[in-house]
Every structure is written in C-alpha cells, then in structure tokens.
C-alpha atoms as a PDB file:
ATOM      1  CA  GLU A   1     -49.373 -12.567  20.103  1.00  0.00           C
ATOM      2  CA  ALA A   2     -46.349 -12.756  22.978  1.00  0.00           C
ATOM      3  CA  ARG A   3     -43.838 -13.346  20.785  1.00  0.00           C
ATOM      4  CA  SER A   4     -44.250 -10.269  18.193  1.00  0.00           C
ATOM      5  CA  ARG A   5     -44.724  -8.018  21.204  1.00  0.00           C
ATOM      6  CA  ALA A   6     -41.277  -9.895  23.040  1.00  0.00           C
ATOM      7  CA  LEU A   7     -39.785  -9.407  19.299  1.00  0.00           C
ATOM      8  CA  GLY A   8     -41.287  -5.579  19.517  1.00  0.00           C
ATOM      9  CA  ARG A   9     -39.091  -5.217  21.824  1.00  0.00           C
ATOM     10  CA  ARG A  10     -36.239  -6.353  22.059  1.00  0.00           C
ATOM     11  CA  TRP A  11     -35.803  -4.297  17.937  1.00  0.00           C
ATOM     12  CA  CYS A  12     -36.886  -0.965  19.637  1.00  0.00           C
ATOM     13  CA  PRO A  13     -36.491   2.098  16.658  1.00  0.00           C
ATOM     14  CA  ALA A  14     -34.057   3.511  19.268  1.00  0.00           C
ATOM     15  CA  THR A  15     -31.490   0.246  18.210  1.00  0.00           C
ATOM     16  CA  ILE A  16     -33.098   0.563  15.303  1.00  0.00           C
ATOM     17  CA  MET A  17     -31.415   3.532  14.658  1.00  0.00           C
ATOM     18  CA  LEU A  18     -27.993   2.971  16.362  1.00  0.00           C
ATOM     19  CA  LEU A  19     -27.549  -0.056  13.837  1.00  0.00           C
ATOM     20  CA  ALA A  20     -28.311   2.241  11.275  1.00  0.00           C
ATOM     21  CA  LEU A  21     -26.162   4.427  12.277  1.00  0.00           C
ATOM     22  CA  VAL A  22     -22.565   2.196  12.806  1.00  0.00           C
ATOM     23  CA  SER A  23     -23.196   0.688   9.720  1.00  0.00           C
ATOM     24  CA  LEU A  24     -23.312   4.126   7.825  1.00  0.00           C
ATOM     25  CA  LEU A  25     -20.170   5.585   9.938  1.00  0.00           C
ATOM     26  CA  SER A  26     -18.817   1.680   8.749  1.00  0.00           C
ATOM     27  CA  CYS A  27     -19.140   3.217   4.700  1.00  0.00           C
ATOM     28  CA  LEU A  28     -17.397   5.944   5.138  1.00  0.00           C
ATOM     29  CA  LEU A  29     -14.635   5.246   6.706  1.00  0.00           C
ATOM     30  CA  PRO A  30     -11.079   4.268   4.632  1.00  0.00           C
ATOM     31  CA  SER A  31     -10.897   0.400   4.643  1.00  0.00           C
ATOM     32  CA  SER A  32      -7.946  -1.191   5.795  1.00  0.00           C
ATOM     33  CA  GLU A  33      -8.413  -3.857   2.662  1.00  0.00           C
ATOM     34  CA  ALA A  34      -5.277  -5.498   2.296  1.00  0.00           C
ATOM     35  CA  LYS A  35      -4.289  -6.455  -1.265  1.00  0.00           C
ATOM     36  CA  VAL A  36      -1.895  -9.138  -1.860  1.00  0.00           C
ATOM     37  CA  TYR A  37      -1.607  -9.045  -6.240  1.00  0.00           C
ATOM     38  CA  SER A  38       0.219 -11.755  -8.012  1.00  0.00           C
ATOM     39  CA  ARG A  39       3.441 -11.025 -10.105  1.00  0.00           C
ATOM     40  CA  CYS A  40       1.672 -10.639 -13.675  1.00  0.00           C
ATOM     41  CA  GLU A  41      -1.794  -8.751 -12.050  1.00  0.00           C
ATOM     42  CA  LEU A  42       1.561  -6.023 -10.381  1.00  0.00           C
ATOM     43  CA  ALA A  43       3.017  -5.798 -13.382  1.00  0.00           C
ATOM     44  CA  ARG A  44      -0.144  -4.741 -15.255  1.00  0.00           C
ATOM     45  CA  VAL A  45      -0.791  -2.289 -12.775  1.00  0.00           C
ATOM     46  CA  LEU A  46       2.421  -0.945 -12.365  1.00  0.00           C
ATOM     47  CA  GLN A  47       2.815  -0.700 -16.301  1.00  0.00           C
ATOM     48  CA  ASP A  48      -0.387   2.038 -16.315  1.00  0.00           C
ATOM     49  CA  PHE A  49       0.903   3.744 -14.150  1.00  0.00           C
ATOM     50  CA  GLY A  50       3.860   3.959 -15.827  1.00  0.00           C
ATOM     51  CA  LEU A  51       6.440   2.906 -14.173  1.00  0.00           C
ATOM     52  CA  ASP A  52       7.876   0.517 -17.021  1.00  0.00           C
ATOM     53  CA  GLY A  53      11.678   2.739 -18.172  1.00  0.00           C
ATOM     54  CA  TYR A  54      11.081   5.205 -15.824  1.00  0.00           C
ATOM     55  CA  ARG A  55      14.046   6.476 -15.089  1.00  0.00           C
ATOM     56  CA  GLY A  56      15.725   4.094 -16.976  1.00  0.00           C
ATOM     57  CA  TYR A  57      13.954   1.725 -14.776  1.00  0.00           C
ATOM     58  CA  SER A  58      12.675  -1.926 -15.761  1.00  0.00           C
ATOM     59  CA  LEU A  59       8.974  -3.142 -15.479  1.00  0.00           C
ATOM     60  CA  ALA A  60      11.063  -6.384 -13.149  1.00  0.00           C
ATOM     61  CA  ASP A  61      12.985  -4.036 -11.003  1.00  0.00           C
ATOM     62  CA  TRP A  62       9.730  -2.483  -9.656  1.00  0.00           C
ATOM     63  CA  VAL A  63       7.973  -6.611  -9.536  1.00  0.00           C
ATOM     64  CA  CYS A  64      11.022  -7.178  -8.074  1.00  0.00           C
ATOM     65  CA  LEU A  65      11.031  -4.479  -5.726  1.00  0.00           C
ATOM     66  CA  ALA A  66       7.827  -4.919  -4.235  1.00  0.00           C
ATOM     67  CA  TYR A  67       8.509  -8.933  -4.070  1.00  0.00           C
ATOM     68  CA  PHE A  68      11.521  -8.857  -2.100  1.00  0.00           C
ATOM     69  CA  THR A  69      10.443  -5.588  -0.452  1.00  0.00           C
ATOM     70  CA  SER A  70       6.301  -6.022   0.734  1.00  0.00           C
ATOM     71  CA  GLY A  71       5.936 -10.061  -0.619  1.00  0.00           C
ATOM     72  CA  PHE A  72       3.307  -8.025  -2.743  1.00  0.00           C
ATOM     73  CA  ASN A  73       1.459  -7.007   0.017  1.00  0.00           C
ATOM     74  CA  THR A  74      -0.512  -3.253  -0.178  1.00  0.00           C
ATOM     75  CA  ALA A  75      -0.582  -3.374   3.741  1.00  0.00           C
ATOM     76  CA  ALA A  76       2.497  -4.679   4.719  1.00  0.00           C
ATOM     77  CA  VAL A  77       4.084  -2.321   7.815  1.00  0.00           C
ATOM     78  CA  ASP A  78       7.475  -2.611   9.633  1.00  0.00           C
ATOM     79  CA  HIS A  79       7.611  -1.199  12.816  1.00  0.00           C
ATOM     80  CA  GLU A  80      11.276  -0.092  13.785  1.00  0.00           C
ATOM     81  CA  ALA A  81      12.734   0.931  16.900  1.00  0.00           C
ATOM     82  CA  ASP A  82      13.589   4.079  16.088  1.00  0.00           C
ATOM     83  CA  GLY A  83       9.192   4.241  15.819  1.00  0.00           C
ATOM     84  CA  SER A  84       8.745   4.951  12.019  1.00  0.00           C
ATOM     85  CA  THR A  85       7.007   2.350   9.949  1.00  0.00           C
ATOM     86  CA  ASN A  86       7.540   1.297   6.151  1.00  0.00           C
ATOM     87  CA  ASN A  87       5.022   1.741   4.697  1.00  0.00           C
ATOM     88  CA  GLY A  88       2.912  -0.466   1.188  1.00  0.00           C
ATOM     89  CA  ILE A  89       3.401  -2.125  -0.973  1.00  0.00           C
ATOM     90  CA  PHE A  90       7.584  -0.939  -1.568  1.00  0.00           C
ATOM     91  CA  GLN A  91       8.454  -0.463   2.229  1.00  0.00           C
ATOM     92  CA  ILE A  92       8.833   3.384   1.593  1.00  0.00           C
ATOM     93  CA  SER A  93       9.661   5.222   5.506  1.00  0.00           C
ATOM     94  CA  SER A  94       8.037   7.343   7.805  1.00  0.00           C
ATOM     95  CA  ARG A  95      11.403   8.675   8.488  1.00  0.00           C
ATOM     96  CA  ARG A  96      11.432  10.375   5.532  1.00  0.00           C
ATOM     97  CA  TRP A  97       9.293   9.821   2.662  1.00  0.00           C
ATOM     98  CA  CYS A  98       5.404  10.340   4.287  1.00  0.00           C
ATOM     99  CA  ARG A  99       3.944  11.415   8.195  1.00  0.00           C
ATOM    100  CA  ASN A 100       3.149   8.621  10.951  1.00  0.00           C
ATOM    101  CA  LEU A 101       2.631   9.376  14.504  1.00  0.00           C
ATOM    102  CA  THR A 102       6.592  11.053  14.173  1.00  0.00           C
ATOM    103  CA  PRO A 103       5.569  14.835  14.713  1.00  0.00           C
ATOM    104  CA  ASN A 104       9.008  16.767  13.047  1.00  0.00           C
ATOM    105  CA  ALA A 105       9.502  14.106  10.012  1.00  0.00           C
ATOM    106  CA  PRO A 106      10.185  15.781   6.864  1.00  0.00           C
ATOM    107  CA  ASN A 107       7.397  14.003   4.633  1.00  0.00           C
ATOM    108  CA  MET A 108       8.843  14.290   0.875  1.00  0.00           C
ATOM    109  CA  CYS A 109       5.356  12.657  -0.782  1.00  0.00           C
ATOM    110  CA  ARG A 110       3.088  14.754   1.064  1.00  0.00           C
ATOM    111  CA  MET A 111       0.981  12.307   2.268  1.00  0.00           C
ATOM    112  CA  TYR A 112       0.167  10.463   5.230  1.00  0.00           C
ATOM    113  CA  CYS A 113       1.697   7.023   5.825  1.00  0.00           C
ATOM    114  CA  SER A 114      -1.410   5.267   5.553  1.00  0.00           C
ATOM    115  CA  ASP A 115      -1.833   6.281   2.410  1.00  0.00           C
ATOM    116  CA  LEU A 116       0.194   3.889   0.753  1.00  0.00           C
ATOM    117  CA  LEU A 117      -1.725   1.041   2.025  1.00  0.00           C
ATOM    118  CA  ASN A 118      -3.865   1.862  -0.383  1.00  0.00           C
ATOM    119  CA  PRO A 119      -4.396  -0.886  -2.097  1.00  0.00           C
ATOM    120  CA  ASN A 120      -4.911   0.691  -5.493  1.00  0.00           C
ATOM    121  CA  LEU A 121      -1.507   2.052  -4.850  1.00  0.00           C
ATOM    122  CA  LYS A 122      -1.691   5.806  -6.911  1.00  0.00           C
ATOM    123  CA  ASP A 123      -0.296   7.310  -3.952  1.00  0.00           C
ATOM    124  CA  THR A 124       2.857   4.126  -3.460  1.00  0.00           C
ATOM    125  CA  VAL A 125       3.151   5.066  -7.110  1.00  0.00           C
ATOM    126  CA  ILE A 126       3.962   8.658  -6.729  1.00  0.00           C
ATOM    127  CA  CYS A 127       5.830   8.463  -4.045  1.00  0.00           C
ATOM    128  CA  ALA A 128       7.690   5.394  -5.371  1.00  0.00           C
ATOM    129  CA  MET A 129       8.410   7.721  -7.766  1.00  0.00           C
ATOM    130  CA  LYS A 130       9.415  11.031  -6.214  1.00  0.00           C
ATOM    131  CA  ILE A 131      12.434   8.730  -4.065  1.00  0.00           C
ATOM    132  CA  THR A 132      13.552   7.318  -7.603  1.00  0.00           C
ATOM    133  CA  GLN A 133      14.093  10.841  -8.689  1.00  0.00           C
ATOM    134  CA  GLU A 134      16.661  10.406  -6.105  1.00  0.00           C
ATOM    135  CA  PRO A 135      20.490  10.496  -6.751  1.00  0.00           C
ATOM    136  CA  GLN A 136      20.596   6.547  -5.426  1.00  0.00           C
ATOM    137  CA  GLY A 137      17.392   6.142  -7.965  1.00  0.00           C
ATOM    138  CA  LEU A 138      16.369   2.089  -6.565  1.00  0.00           C
ATOM    139  CA  GLY A 139      19.409   1.864  -4.709  1.00  0.00           C
ATOM    140  CA  TYR A 140      17.728   3.676  -2.163  1.00  0.00           C
ATOM    141  CA  TRP A 141      16.089   0.159  -1.147  1.00  0.00           C
ATOM    142  CA  GLU A 142      18.072  -2.187   0.657  1.00  0.00           C
ATOM    143  CA  ALA A 143      16.600  -5.713  -0.557  1.00  0.00           C
ATOM    144  CA  TRP A 144      16.742  -3.967  -4.798  1.00  0.00           C
ATOM    145  CA  ARG A 145      20.859  -3.554  -3.241  1.00  0.00           C
ATOM    146  CA  HIS A 146      20.467  -6.929  -2.503  1.00  0.00           C
ATOM    147  CA  HIS A 147      18.221  -9.386  -4.804  1.00  0.00           C
ATOM    148  CA  CYS A 148      17.528  -7.019  -7.778  1.00  0.00           C
ATOM    149  CA  GLN A 149      20.883  -4.808  -9.569  1.00  0.00           C
ATOM    150  CA  GLY A 150      22.665  -6.462 -11.522  1.00  0.00           C
ATOM    151  CA  LYS A 151      20.621 -10.046 -11.883  1.00  0.00           C
ATOM    152  CA  ASP A 152      18.654 -11.529 -15.298  1.00  0.00           C
ATOM    153  CA  LEU A 153      14.425 -10.028 -13.727  1.00  0.00           C
ATOM    154  CA  THR A 154      13.471 -11.358 -16.889  1.00  0.00           C
ATOM    155  CA  ASP A 155      11.366 -14.589 -14.824  1.00  0.00           C
ATOM    156  CA  TRP A 156       9.747 -11.983 -13.056  1.00  0.00           C
ATOM    157  CA  VAL A 157       7.599 -10.313 -15.865  1.00  0.00           C
ATOM    158  CA  ASP A 158       7.868 -13.529 -17.937  1.00  0.00           C
ATOM    159  CA  GLY A 159       4.244 -15.423 -19.380  1.00  0.00           C
ATOM    160  CA  CYS A 160       2.224 -11.469 -18.384  1.00  0.00           C
ATOM    161  CA  ASP A 161       0.148 -10.129 -20.958  1.00  0.00           C
ATOM    162  CA  PHE A 162       0.459  -6.412 -21.317  1.00  0.00           C
END
C-alpha cells in the first residue's frame, strides 16, 4: 500500500497532463528528420516529379547534381560567411531563392529555406524548376558545371527500375 501511494505521488495528474501536452506538441511541430536517398530512389522520385527531360536536362543530370551538392541528403545546409545558406538536396541559396534570416533577400521561390529540407522534395523540386528556367539552367549550380556538364552520366540512372 505504501508503495502504491509513493507511485501515485510521483505521477500526479498535473505531471501526467504536462507529459501529454508535451507529447501532443511534439507531434504538431515540423519534423526535422533528414532523408538520405539512394541513387535509384532519388531518380524515381525526380522522375515522378517530371524532371526527366525538363528544360532539356536528363534525369541523370538531376541525380548527378544532387550527389555533388548534398550527397543526396535532404537536410544538408551549408552556412556561408555572409550569413546566407545553401539548403537541401540541391543546395539552393538563400541569397536569392528562399527566405532565411536575411530580411531583404529576394525569395524568388516564395518559400522558407526550411521548406527545402523536407524529405518529400515537393518544394525543392518546384524551386529547382524555377531556377532552371533562368538562362543558366542547371549551369546555375557550380557543382553541376564541374562534375556533370558535358559528361557521360548514364551510370547515374543505370540499373534503376522505372
């Protein structure tokens, strides 16, 4: 009996309510869970979003770009000396494309940089498509110019089932 009274004192109703509230709030907060895609998994997702052939770029171009910018990691963030960040699987810059802590950045994709870290890639693909509409196309990304442009990229999608 003394033991059950001690347990009852340790878990009073206020404590139980607090734990329940904390659990509920943790479910409502956005997940910061990262996803590191495999090569073929990413290729399938990007194909489903319609990137194969978008603006003349093959699916292999996009997969190559993702590898050399982030290692296929959706939560990759690179902090620059000027306070800007490069965000997500394509390392999209807050200098021009998304809203970060920098108040006067243009935000051409009309989204928060944190939206580019989502594992489902919808916002990331929308923004990347917008960037690719610029005259530089995928050339906007230095990593693509140095590692992917003009190269045989068939290995990036070879063996993937579509």
